Amino acid sequence: METLKMDFRINMDENAVIVEKEFAAPVDVVWSAWTLPETLDKWWAPKPWKAKTKSMKFREGGKWFYAMIGPEGEEHHAIVEYKLVIPEQLFEGIDSFCDENGKVNEELPKAYWKVEFEPEGARTLVRIETKYNSAKELETILNMGFQEGFTAALNSLDEHFKSR
């Protein structure tokens, strides 16, 4: 059984979370898992939650509008605005909580995401840096279970690659 890197660091000085996760798949496959809604919906939400894409235009200036659907059918919505896309290398965007119509909730923290993809032969290292405007915002997200939820989602992506 191969061991894949998983490193989750919290940097309170930078109001950031840095995750390095290695996947047992080539970069084109891993890139697709992060950028195609039909694949994102399979792993983005931590079980027993499910992700459901409402709309997605994966390009600079485009948006991904999605819902996290809980086991009782409750929905929490979010929207990602893509700022930079370099295919199979990196993308950046702003992830915000929103209502069911895509209107951003300005009272909850926004995350500034940078996701980098580094090919390693048959494997790919993904480096995710998520920044917030303040330590208070970072603490809010961590208290909402971000570390546990995102770790579970990344583990679901591992399972997705094993089942291909």
N, C-alpha and C. Protein backbone atom coordinates (compact mmCIF):
# COMPACT_ATOMS: atom_id res chain seq x y z
N MET A 1 0.86 -1.19 0.00
CA MET A 1 0.00 0.00 0.00
C MET A 1 0.90 1.24 0.00
N GLU A 2 0.71 2.07 -0.99
CA GLU A 2 1.53 3.27 -1.08
C GLU A 2 1.04 4.33 -0.10
N THR A 3 1.98 5.09 0.42
CA THR A 3 1.64 6.19 1.31
C THR A 3 1.69 7.49 0.51
N LEU A 4 0.59 8.22 0.55
CA LEU A 4 0.50 9.48 -0.17
C LEU A 4 0.60 10.62 0.83
N LYS A 5 1.35 11.63 0.48
CA LYS A 5 1.57 12.78 1.36
C LYS A 5 0.25 13.49 1.68
N MET A 6 0.07 13.84 2.94
CA MET A 6 -1.05 14.67 3.38
C MET A 6 -0.53 15.54 4.51
N ASP A 7 -0.43 16.84 4.25
CA ASP A 7 0.10 17.78 5.24
C ASP A 7 -0.87 18.95 5.35
N PHE A 8 -1.43 19.17 6.52
CA PHE A 8 -2.40 20.24 6.77
C PHE A 8 -1.79 21.17 7.81
N ARG A 9 -1.48 22.41 7.39
CA ARG A 9 -0.85 23.37 8.31
C ARG A 9 -1.72 24.61 8.44
N ILE A 10 -1.77 25.13 9.64
CA ILE A 10 -2.48 26.38 9.91
C ILE A 10 -1.43 27.43 10.25
N ASN A 11 -1.45 28.56 9.53
CA ASN A 11 -0.50 29.64 9.76
C ASN A 11 -1.29 30.86 10.24
N MET A 12 -1.38 31.02 11.56
CA MET A 12 -2.17 32.11 12.14
C MET A 12 -1.54 33.47 11.82
N ASP A 13 -0.22 33.52 11.64
CA ASP A 13 0.44 34.80 11.31
C ASP A 13 0.01 35.31 9.93
N GLU A 14 -0.27 34.38 9.02
CA GLU A 14 -0.64 34.75 7.64
C GLU A 14 -2.15 34.59 7.40
N ASN A 15 -2.91 34.20 8.45
CA ASN A 15 -4.35 33.94 8.31
C ASN A 15 -4.60 32.93 7.19
N ALA A 16 -3.82 31.86 7.20
CA ALA A 16 -3.85 30.93 6.07
C ALA A 16 -3.87 29.47 6.53
N VAL A 17 -4.40 28.65 5.64
CA VAL A 17 -4.31 27.20 5.76
C VAL A 17 -3.55 26.74 4.53
N ILE A 18 -2.55 25.88 4.74
CA ILE A 18 -1.78 25.33 3.63
C ILE A 18 -1.91 23.81 3.70
N VAL A 19 -2.37 23.23 2.61
CA VAL A 19 -2.53 21.79 2.55
C VAL A 19 -1.71 21.29 1.36
N GLU A 20 -0.91 20.27 1.60
CA GLU A 20 -0.23 19.57 0.51
C GLU A 20 -0.73 18.14 0.51
N LYS A 21 -1.31 17.76 -0.62
CA LYS A 21 -1.91 16.42 -0.72
C LYS A 21 -1.46 15.78 -2.02
N GLU A 22 -0.94 14.57 -1.89
CA GLU A 22 -0.49 13.82 -3.05
C GLU A 22 -1.59 12.83 -3.45
N PHE A 23 -1.80 12.70 -4.75
CA PHE A 23 -2.81 11.79 -5.28
C PHE A 23 -2.16 10.79 -6.23
N ALA A 24 -2.69 9.57 -6.24
CA ALA A 24 -2.19 8.50 -7.09
C ALA A 24 -2.87 8.57 -8.45
N ALA A 25 -2.64 9.67 -9.15
CA ALA A 25 -3.19 9.87 -10.49
C ALA A 25 -2.36 10.93 -11.19
N PRO A 26 -2.28 10.87 -12.52
CA PRO A 26 -1.52 11.88 -13.25
C PRO A 26 -2.20 13.25 -13.21
N VAL A 27 -1.44 14.29 -13.51
CA VAL A 27 -1.91 15.66 -13.33
C VAL A 27 -3.18 15.95 -14.13
N ASP A 28 -3.31 15.43 -15.35
CA ASP A 28 -4.52 15.74 -16.13
C ASP A 28 -5.77 15.19 -15.46
N VAL A 29 -5.66 14.04 -14.84
CA VAL A 29 -6.80 13.42 -14.16
C VAL A 29 -7.14 14.19 -12.88
N VAL A 30 -6.11 14.57 -12.13
CA VAL A 30 -6.33 15.32 -10.89
C VAL A 30 -6.91 16.70 -11.22
N TRP A 31 -6.37 17.36 -12.24
CA TRP A 31 -6.89 18.66 -12.67
C TRP A 31 -8.38 18.54 -13.00
N SER A 32 -8.76 17.53 -13.75
CA SER A 32 -10.17 17.33 -14.12
C SER A 32 -11.05 17.15 -12.89
N ALA A 33 -10.53 16.46 -11.88
CA ALA A 33 -11.31 16.22 -10.65
C ALA A 33 -11.62 17.52 -9.92
N TRP A 34 -10.77 18.52 -10.08
CA TRP A 34 -10.95 19.82 -9.43
C TRP A 34 -11.72 20.82 -10.29
N THR A 35 -11.88 20.51 -11.59
CA THR A 35 -12.40 21.53 -12.50
C THR A 35 -13.64 21.11 -13.28
N LEU A 36 -14.05 19.87 -13.19
CA LEU A 36 -15.26 19.41 -13.87
C LEU A 36 -16.36 19.17 -12.83
N PRO A 37 -17.52 19.79 -13.00
CA PRO A 37 -18.56 19.68 -11.98
C PRO A 37 -19.02 18.25 -11.71
N GLU A 38 -19.08 17.42 -12.73
CA GLU A 38 -19.55 16.05 -12.51
C GLU A 38 -18.59 15.25 -11.63
N THR A 39 -17.31 15.62 -11.63
CA THR A 39 -16.35 14.96 -10.75
C THR A 39 -16.30 15.65 -9.39
N LEU A 40 -16.30 16.97 -9.38
CA LEU A 40 -16.32 17.72 -8.11
C LEU A 40 -17.48 17.27 -7.22
N ASP A 41 -18.64 17.08 -7.83
CA ASP A 41 -19.82 16.69 -7.06
C ASP A 41 -19.64 15.34 -6.37
N LYS A 42 -18.72 14.51 -6.86
CA LYS A 42 -18.50 13.18 -6.27
C LYS A 42 -17.65 13.22 -5.01
N TRP A 43 -16.84 14.29 -4.84
CA TRP A 43 -15.90 14.26 -3.71
C TRP A 43 -15.85 15.53 -2.87
N TRP A 44 -16.34 16.65 -3.34
CA TRP A 44 -16.11 17.93 -2.68
C TRP A 44 -16.69 17.99 -1.26
N ALA A 45 -17.82 17.40 -1.04
CA ALA A 45 -18.45 17.46 0.29
C ALA A 45 -17.99 16.29 1.16
N PRO A 46 -17.75 16.57 2.45
CA PRO A 46 -17.40 15.46 3.35
C PRO A 46 -18.64 14.60 3.62
N LYS A 47 -18.48 13.29 3.52
CA LYS A 47 -19.60 12.37 3.77
C LYS A 47 -20.10 12.55 5.20
N PRO A 48 -21.38 12.50 5.46
CA PRO A 48 -22.49 12.07 4.59
C PRO A 48 -23.07 13.20 3.73
N TRP A 49 -22.44 14.36 3.71
CA TRP A 49 -22.89 15.47 2.88
C TRP A 49 -22.59 15.17 1.42
N LYS A 50 -23.29 15.86 0.53
CA LYS A 50 -23.07 15.74 -0.91
C LYS A 50 -22.93 17.15 -1.50
N ALA A 51 -22.12 17.26 -2.53
CA ALA A 51 -22.01 18.52 -3.26
C ALA A 51 -22.87 18.43 -4.51
N LYS A 52 -23.50 19.55 -4.86
CA LYS A 52 -24.30 19.59 -6.08
C LYS A 52 -24.03 20.92 -6.78
N THR A 53 -23.48 20.82 -7.98
CA THR A 53 -23.20 22.02 -8.77
C THR A 53 -24.50 22.56 -9.34
N LYS A 54 -24.74 23.84 -9.12
CA LYS A 54 -25.90 24.52 -9.70
C LYS A 54 -25.51 25.09 -11.07
N SER A 55 -24.31 25.67 -11.16
CA SER A 55 -23.78 26.15 -12.44
C SER A 55 -22.27 26.30 -12.30
N MET A 56 -21.56 26.18 -13.43
CA MET A 56 -20.11 26.32 -13.39
C MET A 56 -19.59 26.77 -14.75
N LYS A 57 -18.75 27.79 -14.70
CA LYS A 57 -17.96 28.22 -15.85
C LYS A 57 -16.53 28.30 -15.33
N PHE A 58 -15.76 27.23 -15.58
CA PHE A 58 -14.39 27.19 -15.08
C PHE A 58 -13.48 27.91 -16.07
N ARG A 59 -13.29 29.19 -15.80
CA ARG A 59 -12.41 30.04 -16.60
C ARG A 59 -12.19 31.32 -15.80
N GLU A 60 -11.19 32.10 -16.17
CA GLU A 60 -10.97 33.38 -15.50
C GLU A 60 -12.22 34.22 -15.66
N GLY A 61 -12.71 34.74 -14.56
CA GLY A 61 -13.94 35.52 -14.56
C GLY A 61 -15.20 34.67 -14.44
N GLY A 62 -15.04 33.37 -14.52
CA GLY A 62 -16.18 32.46 -14.38
C GLY A 62 -16.48 32.15 -12.92
N LYS A 63 -17.57 31.43 -12.71
CA LYS A 63 -17.99 31.11 -11.34
C LYS A 63 -18.46 29.67 -11.24
N TRP A 64 -18.31 29.12 -10.03
CA TRP A 64 -18.87 27.82 -9.67
C TRP A 64 -19.84 28.09 -8.53
N PHE A 65 -21.11 27.82 -8.76
CA PHE A 65 -22.17 27.99 -7.77
C PHE A 65 -22.62 26.59 -7.38
N TYR A 66 -22.52 26.27 -6.07
CA TYR A 66 -22.82 24.91 -5.65
C TYR A 66 -23.50 24.90 -4.29
N ALA A 67 -24.07 23.74 -3.97
CA ALA A 67 -24.69 23.54 -2.67
C ALA A 67 -24.03 22.35 -1.99
N MET A 68 -23.93 22.45 -0.68
CA MET A 68 -23.57 21.31 0.15
C MET A 68 -24.89 20.84 0.75
N ILE A 69 -25.23 19.59 0.49
CA ILE A 69 -26.52 19.07 0.92
C ILE A 69 -26.29 18.06 2.04
N GLY A 70 -26.91 18.34 3.18
CA GLY A 70 -26.73 17.50 4.36
C GLY A 70 -27.60 16.27 4.35
N PRO A 71 -27.38 15.37 5.30
CA PRO A 71 -28.13 14.11 5.34
C PRO A 71 -29.63 14.29 5.55
N GLU A 72 -30.03 15.44 6.11
CA GLU A 72 -31.47 15.71 6.31
C GLU A 72 -32.04 16.54 5.16
N GLY A 73 -31.23 16.77 4.12
CA GLY A 73 -31.69 17.54 2.96
C GLY A 73 -31.43 19.03 3.06
N GLU A 74 -30.84 19.49 4.16
CA GLU A 74 -30.53 20.91 4.32
C GLU A 74 -29.45 21.32 3.32
N GLU A 75 -29.53 22.54 2.82
CA GLU A 75 -28.56 23.02 1.83
C GLU A 75 -27.84 24.26 2.32
N HIS A 76 -26.54 24.27 2.10
CA HIS A 76 -25.70 25.45 2.33
C HIS A 76 -25.03 25.76 1.01
N HIS A 77 -25.12 27.00 0.58
CA HIS A 77 -24.63 27.39 -0.75
C HIS A 77 -23.32 28.17 -0.67
N ALA A 78 -22.56 28.05 -1.75
CA ALA A 78 -21.31 28.79 -1.87
C ALA A 78 -21.07 29.10 -3.34
N ILE A 79 -20.22 30.08 -3.56
CA ILE A 79 -19.88 30.48 -4.92
C ILE A 79 -18.39 30.78 -4.98
N VAL A 80 -17.74 30.27 -6.02
CA VAL A 80 -16.33 30.53 -6.24
C VAL A 80 -16.21 31.40 -7.49
N GLU A 81 -15.48 32.50 -7.36
CA GLU A 81 -15.20 33.37 -8.50
C GLU A 81 -13.75 33.11 -8.91
N TYR A 82 -13.55 32.57 -10.12
CA TYR A 82 -12.21 32.24 -10.59
C TYR A 82 -11.50 33.50 -11.09
N LYS A 83 -10.31 33.73 -10.55
CA LYS A 83 -9.53 34.93 -10.89
C LYS A 83 -8.39 34.62 -11.86
N LEU A 84 -7.79 33.44 -11.73
CA LEU A 84 -6.65 33.06 -12.56
C LEU A 84 -6.75 31.57 -12.83
N VAL A 85 -6.56 31.18 -14.09
CA VAL A 85 -6.56 29.76 -14.46
C VAL A 85 -5.41 29.51 -15.43
N ILE A 86 -4.50 28.64 -15.04
CA ILE A 86 -3.43 28.16 -15.92
C ILE A 86 -3.60 26.64 -15.99
N PRO A 87 -4.15 26.13 -17.09
CA PRO A 87 -4.51 24.71 -17.17
C PRO A 87 -3.42 23.75 -16.71
N GLU A 88 -3.84 22.82 -15.86
CA GLU A 88 -3.01 21.75 -15.30
C GLU A 88 -1.84 22.26 -14.47
N GLN A 89 -1.86 23.57 -14.11
CA GLN A 89 -0.81 24.13 -13.25
C GLN A 89 -1.39 24.76 -11.99
N LEU A 90 -2.33 25.70 -12.16
CA LEU A 90 -2.90 26.34 -10.98
C LEU A 90 -4.18 27.08 -11.32
N PHE A 91 -4.96 27.31 -10.27
CA PHE A 91 -6.07 28.25 -10.38
C PHE A 91 -6.21 28.98 -9.06
N GLU A 92 -6.77 30.19 -9.14
CA GLU A 92 -7.02 31.01 -7.96
C GLU A 92 -8.45 31.50 -8.02
N GLY A 93 -9.02 31.69 -6.84
CA GLY A 93 -10.38 32.21 -6.80
C GLY A 93 -10.78 32.61 -5.39
N ILE A 94 -11.96 33.20 -5.32
CA ILE A 94 -12.53 33.63 -4.04
C ILE A 94 -13.77 32.78 -3.79
N ASP A 95 -13.79 32.09 -2.66
CA ASP A 95 -14.89 31.22 -2.27
C ASP A 95 -15.69 31.94 -1.19
N SER A 96 -16.99 32.12 -1.44
CA SER A 96 -17.86 32.85 -0.51
C SER A 96 -19.10 32.04 -0.20
N PHE A 97 -19.57 32.18 1.02
CA PHE A 97 -20.88 31.64 1.36
C PHE A 97 -21.93 32.53 0.69
N CYS A 98 -23.05 31.94 0.27
CA CYS A 98 -24.08 32.72 -0.38
C CYS A 98 -25.45 32.09 -0.12
N ASP A 99 -26.50 32.76 -0.60
CA ASP A 99 -27.83 32.19 -0.47
C ASP A 99 -28.15 31.32 -1.69
N GLU A 100 -29.36 30.79 -1.74
CA GLU A 100 -29.75 29.88 -2.82
C GLU A 100 -29.82 30.55 -4.18
N ASN A 101 -29.74 31.89 -4.20
CA ASN A 101 -29.74 32.63 -5.47
C ASN A 101 -28.34 33.11 -5.86
N GLY A 102 -27.31 32.76 -5.05
CA GLY A 102 -25.95 33.17 -5.36
C GLY A 102 -25.54 34.51 -4.81
N LYS A 103 -26.40 35.12 -3.98
CA LYS A 103 -26.07 36.40 -3.36
C LYS A 103 -25.10 36.14 -2.20
N VAL A 104 -23.92 36.75 -2.28
CA VAL A 104 -22.87 36.52 -1.28
C VAL A 104 -23.29 37.02 0.09
N ASN A 105 -23.02 36.20 1.12
CA ASN A 105 -23.25 36.58 2.51
C ASN A 105 -21.98 37.29 3.00
N GLU A 106 -22.08 38.61 3.11
CA GLU A 106 -20.91 39.42 3.48
C GLU A 106 -20.54 39.28 4.96
N GLU A 107 -21.39 38.62 5.75
CA GLU A 107 -21.11 38.47 7.18
C GLU A 107 -20.24 37.26 7.49
N LEU A 108 -20.09 36.37 6.53
CA LEU A 108 -19.25 35.19 6.73
C LEU A 108 -17.93 35.38 5.97
N PRO A 109 -16.87 34.71 6.46
CA PRO A 109 -15.55 34.88 5.83
C PRO A 109 -15.52 34.43 4.38
N LYS A 110 -14.71 35.15 3.60
CA LYS A 110 -14.39 34.74 2.22
C LYS A 110 -13.01 34.11 2.25
N ALA A 111 -12.84 33.07 1.44
CA ALA A 111 -11.55 32.39 1.34
C ALA A 111 -10.91 32.71 -0.01
N TYR A 112 -9.64 33.07 0.02
CA TYR A 112 -8.88 33.33 -1.20
C TYR A 112 -8.05 32.07 -1.47
N TRP A 113 -8.45 31.31 -2.48
CA TRP A 113 -7.85 30.01 -2.76
C TRP A 113 -6.79 30.12 -3.86
N LYS A 114 -5.68 29.41 -3.65
CA LYS A 114 -4.69 29.19 -4.70
C LYS A 114 -4.41 27.69 -4.68
N VAL A 115 -4.68 27.03 -5.80
CA VAL A 115 -4.52 25.59 -5.88
C VAL A 115 -3.51 25.29 -6.99
N GLU A 116 -2.38 24.69 -6.62
CA GLU A 116 -1.30 24.40 -7.55
C GLU A 116 -1.16 22.89 -7.75
N PHE A 117 -0.86 22.49 -8.98
CA PHE A 117 -0.76 21.08 -9.36
C PHE A 117 0.66 20.81 -9.84
N GLU A 118 1.32 19.84 -9.21
CA GLU A 118 2.69 19.50 -9.56
C GLU A 118 2.77 18.03 -9.96
N PRO A 119 3.01 17.76 -11.25
CA PRO A 119 3.08 16.37 -11.69
C PRO A 119 4.31 15.67 -11.11
N GLU A 120 4.09 14.42 -10.71
CA GLU A 120 5.18 13.57 -10.19
C GLU A 120 5.04 12.20 -10.85
N GLY A 121 5.13 12.16 -12.18
CA GLY A 121 4.95 10.90 -12.90
C GLY A 121 3.51 10.46 -12.83
N ALA A 122 3.27 9.30 -12.24
CA ALA A 122 1.91 8.76 -12.12
C ALA A 122 1.16 9.36 -10.93
N ARG A 123 1.84 10.23 -10.20
CA ARG A 123 1.22 10.91 -9.05
C ARG A 123 1.17 12.41 -9.31
N THR A 124 0.38 13.09 -8.48
CA THR A 124 0.30 14.55 -8.56
C THR A 124 0.26 15.11 -7.15
N LEU A 125 1.08 16.12 -6.90
CA LEU A 125 1.04 16.85 -5.63
C LEU A 125 0.19 18.10 -5.84
N VAL A 126 -0.82 18.27 -5.00
CA VAL A 126 -1.65 19.46 -5.05
C VAL A 126 -1.35 20.28 -3.80
N ARG A 127 -1.04 21.55 -4.02
CA ARG A 127 -0.77 22.47 -2.90
C ARG A 127 -1.90 23.49 -2.87
N ILE A 128 -2.60 23.53 -1.76
CA ILE A 128 -3.76 24.41 -1.60
C ILE A 128 -3.44 25.43 -0.52
N GLU A 129 -3.50 26.70 -0.88
CA GLU A 129 -3.33 27.76 0.11
C GLU A 129 -4.64 28.53 0.17
N THR A 130 -5.19 28.61 1.36
CA THR A 130 -6.45 29.31 1.58
C THR A 130 -6.18 30.42 2.58
N LYS A 131 -6.42 31.67 2.16
CA LYS A 131 -6.15 32.83 3.03
C LYS A 131 -7.45 33.54 3.38
N TYR A 132 -7.43 34.16 4.56
CA TYR A 132 -8.57 34.92 5.06
C TYR A 132 -8.11 36.33 5.41
N ASN A 133 -9.06 37.23 5.56
CA ASN A 133 -8.72 38.64 5.83
C ASN A 133 -8.19 38.88 7.23
N SER A 134 -8.49 37.97 8.16
CA SER A 134 -8.06 38.18 9.54
C SER A 134 -7.95 36.84 10.26
N ALA A 135 -7.25 36.88 11.41
CA ALA A 135 -7.16 35.68 12.24
C ALA A 135 -8.55 35.29 12.74
N LYS A 136 -9.40 36.27 13.00
CA LYS A 136 -10.76 35.99 13.46
C LYS A 136 -11.55 35.20 12.40
N GLU A 137 -11.39 35.60 11.13
CA GLU A 137 -12.07 34.87 10.05
C GLU A 137 -11.55 33.44 9.95
N LEU A 138 -10.24 33.28 10.06
CA LEU A 138 -9.65 31.94 10.01
C LEU A 138 -10.17 31.09 11.18
N GLU A 139 -10.22 31.66 12.36
CA GLU A 139 -10.74 30.94 13.52
C GLU A 139 -12.21 30.55 13.32
N THR A 140 -13.00 31.44 12.72
CA THR A 140 -14.40 31.14 12.44
C THR A 140 -14.52 29.91 11.56
N ILE A 141 -13.73 29.87 10.49
CA ILE A 141 -13.77 28.74 9.55
C ILE A 141 -13.31 27.46 10.23
N LEU A 142 -12.25 27.54 11.02
CA LEU A 142 -11.76 26.35 11.72
C LEU A 142 -12.81 25.85 12.72
N ASN A 143 -13.48 26.77 13.39
CA ASN A 143 -14.54 26.38 14.34
C ASN A 143 -15.75 25.77 13.64
N MET A 144 -15.92 26.09 12.35
CA MET A 144 -17.01 25.50 11.56
C MET A 144 -16.64 24.09 11.09
N GLY A 145 -15.42 23.64 11.38
CA GLY A 145 -15.00 22.29 11.01
C GLY A 145 -14.27 22.18 9.69
N PHE A 146 -13.67 23.28 9.23
CA PHE A 146 -12.99 23.26 7.93
C PHE A 146 -11.92 22.17 7.84
N GLN A 147 -11.07 22.05 8.87
CA GLN A 147 -9.98 21.08 8.78
C GLN A 147 -10.52 19.66 8.64
N GLU A 148 -11.49 19.31 9.46
CA GLU A 148 -12.05 17.96 9.42
C GLU A 148 -12.80 17.72 8.10
N GLY A 149 -13.59 18.70 7.70
CA GLY A 149 -14.39 18.56 6.48
C GLY A 149 -13.54 18.50 5.22
N PHE A 150 -12.54 19.38 5.12
CA PHE A 150 -11.71 19.39 3.92
C PHE A 150 -10.84 18.15 3.85
N THR A 151 -10.32 17.71 5.00
CA THR A 151 -9.53 16.47 5.04
C THR A 151 -10.39 15.29 4.58
N ALA A 152 -11.63 15.22 5.06
CA ALA A 152 -12.53 14.14 4.65
C ALA A 152 -12.82 14.20 3.15
N ALA A 153 -13.01 15.40 2.62
CA ALA A 153 -13.26 15.55 1.18
C ALA A 153 -12.05 15.09 0.36
N LEU A 154 -10.85 15.48 0.78
CA LEU A 154 -9.64 15.05 0.07
C LEU A 154 -9.48 13.54 0.12
N ASN A 155 -9.85 12.94 1.24
CA ASN A 155 -9.82 11.48 1.34
C ASN A 155 -10.84 10.85 0.40
N SER A 156 -11.98 11.51 0.20
CA SER A 156 -12.97 11.03 -0.77
C SER A 156 -12.41 11.08 -2.18
N LEU A 157 -11.61 12.10 -2.47
CA LEU A 157 -10.99 12.18 -3.79
C LEU A 157 -10.00 11.03 -3.97
N ASP A 158 -9.26 10.68 -2.91
CA ASP A 158 -8.39 9.50 -2.97
C ASP A 158 -9.21 8.26 -3.36
N GLU A 159 -10.35 8.09 -2.70
CA GLU A 159 -11.22 6.94 -2.97
C GLU A 159 -11.72 6.97 -4.42
N HIS A 160 -12.05 8.15 -4.91
CA HIS A 160 -12.49 8.29 -6.29
C HIS A 160 -11.42 7.78 -7.26
N PHE A 161 -10.16 8.16 -7.01
CA PHE A 161 -9.08 7.72 -7.91
C PHE A 161 -8.86 6.21 -7.81
N LYS A 162 -9.03 5.64 -6.63
CA LYS A 162 -8.87 4.19 -6.47
C LYS A 162 -9.94 3.41 -7.23
N SER A 163 -11.11 4.02 -7.37
CA SER A 163 -12.24 3.31 -8.00
C SER A 163 -12.30 3.51 -9.51
N ARG A 164 -11.36 4.28 -10.09
CA ARG A 164 -11.41 4.52 -11.54
C ARG A 164 -11.06 3.27 -12.31
